[in-house]
Amino acid sequence: MLEVGQIMLERSRTDNQLPPVVCKRDWVMMDFMKLVWQHVAVEHQIDFYADKLCISTKHLSRLVKEVLGKTPHEVICDELIKRATERLDDENISVSQIAEELHFSDQAAFCKFFKKHYAVSPMEYRRKLRMEH
């Protein structure tokens, strides 16, 4: 949520303008980020967030792309990866437990998602962490 405000402020600084006035778009973006933070472990679909915000998925996609330069799907994936890496730091939690906590259909789906976005499997990520410490 803080990231949205920081991005808007940085964009205004590079345009030599005053910080933007908080408008409906900004409130929708802050609400979207808050919803992602609260529900991403359970809800991975853009439809859920658009419904909660009472806007269409198309409108949500346009707003997110305009403000963050990313799609809502990318925002959701980024938060899932962040949470997954935080959980993988704890070696007492199995990969299957993390997959379950983050509501993936199974461990294989989680591993495929993680590898697609992080370029290594969850176990390889853990091994690299151990080697660094």
Protein backbone atom coordinates (compact mmCIF):
# COMPACT_ATOMS: atom_id res chain seq x y z
CA MET A 1 0.00 0.00 0.00
CA LEU A 2 2.83 2.38 0.81
CA GLU A 3 4.39 1.51 -2.55
CA VAL A 4 1.44 3.11 -4.40
CA GLY A 5 1.91 6.41 -2.59
CA GLN A 6 5.66 6.33 -3.15
CA ILE A 7 5.26 5.64 -6.87
CA MET A 8 2.76 8.48 -7.26
CA LEU A 9 5.05 10.86 -5.38
CA GLU A 10 8.10 9.85 -7.44
CA ARG A 11 6.20 10.29 -10.71
CA SER A 12 5.10 13.77 -9.66
CA ARG A 13 8.68 14.70 -8.71
CA THR A 14 10.04 13.60 -12.07
CA ASP A 15 7.37 15.71 -13.78
CA ASN A 16 8.34 18.74 -11.61
CA GLN A 17 4.82 18.90 -10.22
CA LEU A 18 3.42 19.08 -6.72
CA PRO A 19 2.43 15.75 -5.19
CA PRO A 20 -0.84 14.56 -6.72
CA VAL A 21 -4.13 15.36 -5.05
CA VAL A 22 -5.70 12.24 -3.62
CA CYS A 23 -8.59 11.41 -5.92
CA LYS A 24 -10.96 8.50 -6.33
CA ARG A 25 -8.40 6.63 -8.46
CA ASP A 26 -5.86 6.89 -5.65
CA TRP A 27 -8.35 5.63 -3.08
CA VAL A 28 -9.28 2.70 -5.32
CA MET A 29 -5.59 1.86 -5.73
CA MET A 30 -4.93 2.03 -2.00
CA ASP A 31 -7.98 -0.15 -1.37
CA PHE A 32 -6.80 -2.63 -4.01
CA MET A 33 -3.35 -2.88 -2.43
CA LYS A 34 -4.89 -3.29 1.02
CA LEU A 35 -7.19 -6.06 -0.26
CA VAL A 36 -4.28 -7.85 -1.91
CA TRP A 37 -2.28 -7.65 1.29
CA GLN A 38 -5.23 -9.00 3.32
CA HIS A 39 -6.51 -11.71 0.96
CA VAL A 40 -3.74 -12.83 -1.41
CA ALA A 41 -3.08 -16.01 0.56
CA VAL A 42 -6.63 -17.12 -0.26
CA GLU A 43 -7.68 -15.15 -3.35
CA HIS A 44 -5.54 -15.17 -6.48
CA GLN A 45 -8.17 -14.05 -9.00
CA ILE A 46 -8.56 -10.47 -10.22
CA ASP A 47 -12.36 -10.87 -10.26
CA PHE A 48 -12.41 -11.15 -6.46
CA TYR A 49 -10.65 -7.81 -6.02
CA ALA A 50 -12.70 -6.02 -8.68
CA ASP A 51 -15.92 -7.29 -7.06
CA LYS A 52 -14.78 -6.09 -3.63
CA LEU A 53 -14.01 -2.66 -5.10
CA CYS A 54 -17.32 -2.60 -7.03
CA ILE A 55 -15.57 -1.99 -10.34
CA SER A 56 -15.06 -4.07 -13.46
CA THR A 57 -11.91 -6.11 -13.95
CA LYS A 58 -11.19 -4.00 -17.04
CA HIS A 59 -11.38 -0.78 -15.02
CA LEU A 60 -9.21 -2.25 -12.25
CA SER A 61 -6.64 -3.39 -14.80
CA ARG A 62 -6.53 0.05 -16.39
CA LEU A 63 -6.10 1.81 -13.03
CA VAL A 64 -3.38 -0.52 -11.78
CA LYS A 65 -1.47 -0.33 -15.07
CA GLU A 66 -1.76 3.47 -15.08
CA VAL A 67 -0.54 3.90 -11.49
CA LEU A 68 1.91 1.02 -11.01
CA GLY A 69 2.87 0.12 -14.55
CA LYS A 70 1.88 -3.48 -13.79
CA THR A 71 -1.22 -5.60 -14.25
CA PRO A 72 -3.31 -6.64 -11.23
CA HIS A 73 -2.16 -10.20 -11.90
CA GLU A 74 1.49 -9.09 -11.60
CA VAL A 75 0.73 -7.30 -8.31
CA ILE A 76 -0.95 -10.44 -6.95
CA CYS A 77 1.94 -12.66 -8.11
CA ASP A 78 4.51 -10.30 -6.62
CA GLU A 79 2.80 -10.48 -3.24
CA LEU A 80 2.48 -14.28 -3.44
CA ILE A 81 6.19 -14.59 -4.24
CA LYS A 82 7.06 -12.25 -1.38
CA ARG A 83 5.05 -14.35 1.05
CA ALA A 84 6.41 -17.61 -0.34
CA THR A 85 10.02 -16.48 0.04
CA GLU A 86 9.32 -15.30 3.60
CA ARG A 87 7.87 -18.72 4.45
CA LEU A 88 10.70 -20.55 2.70
CA ASP A 89 13.15 -18.76 4.98
CA ASP A 90 11.74 -20.89 7.81
CA GLU A 91 13.08 -24.41 7.28
CA ASN A 92 10.56 -25.81 9.77
CA ILE A 93 7.78 -25.24 7.24
CA SER A 94 7.55 -27.73 4.39
CA VAL A 95 6.99 -26.70 0.80
CA SER A 96 3.66 -28.53 0.83
CA GLN A 97 2.58 -26.54 3.91
CA ILE A 98 3.46 -23.29 2.15
CA ALA A 99 1.53 -24.39 -0.93
CA GLU A 100 -1.47 -25.11 1.29
CA GLU A 101 -1.17 -21.83 3.22
CA LEU A 102 -1.10 -19.87 -0.03
CA HIS A 103 -4.06 -21.85 -1.40
CA PHE A 104 -2.41 -23.51 -4.36
CA SER A 105 -4.20 -26.62 -5.60
CA ASP A 106 -1.17 -28.75 -4.67
CA GLN A 107 2.58 -28.64 -4.13
CA ALA A 108 3.29 -29.14 -7.85
CA ALA A 109 1.21 -26.08 -8.79
CA PHE A 110 3.03 -24.00 -6.18
CA CYS A 111 6.45 -25.21 -7.36
CA LYS A 112 5.56 -24.43 -10.98
CA PHE A 113 4.36 -20.93 -10.01
CA PHE A 114 7.44 -20.27 -7.88
CA LYS A 115 9.88 -21.46 -10.54
CA LYS A 116 8.12 -19.41 -13.24
CA HIS A 117 8.46 -16.23 -11.19
CA TYR A 118 11.74 -16.85 -9.36
CA ALA A 119 13.63 -19.01 -11.91
CA VAL A 120 14.44 -21.68 -9.30
CA SER A 121 12.34 -24.26 -7.47
CA PRO A 122 11.37 -23.61 -3.83
CA MET A 123 13.86 -26.26 -2.68
CA GLU A 124 16.67 -24.74 -4.77
CA TYR A 125 15.81 -21.35 -3.27
CA ARG A 126 16.10 -22.86 0.22
CA ARG A 127 19.43 -24.51 -0.60
CA LYS A 128 20.82 -21.20 -1.85
CA LEU A 129 19.66 -19.50 1.35
CA ARG A 130 21.44 -22.09 3.47
CA MET A 131 24.64 -21.65 1.48
CA GLU A 132 24.51 -17.87 1.99
CA HIS A 133 24.18 -18.22 5.76
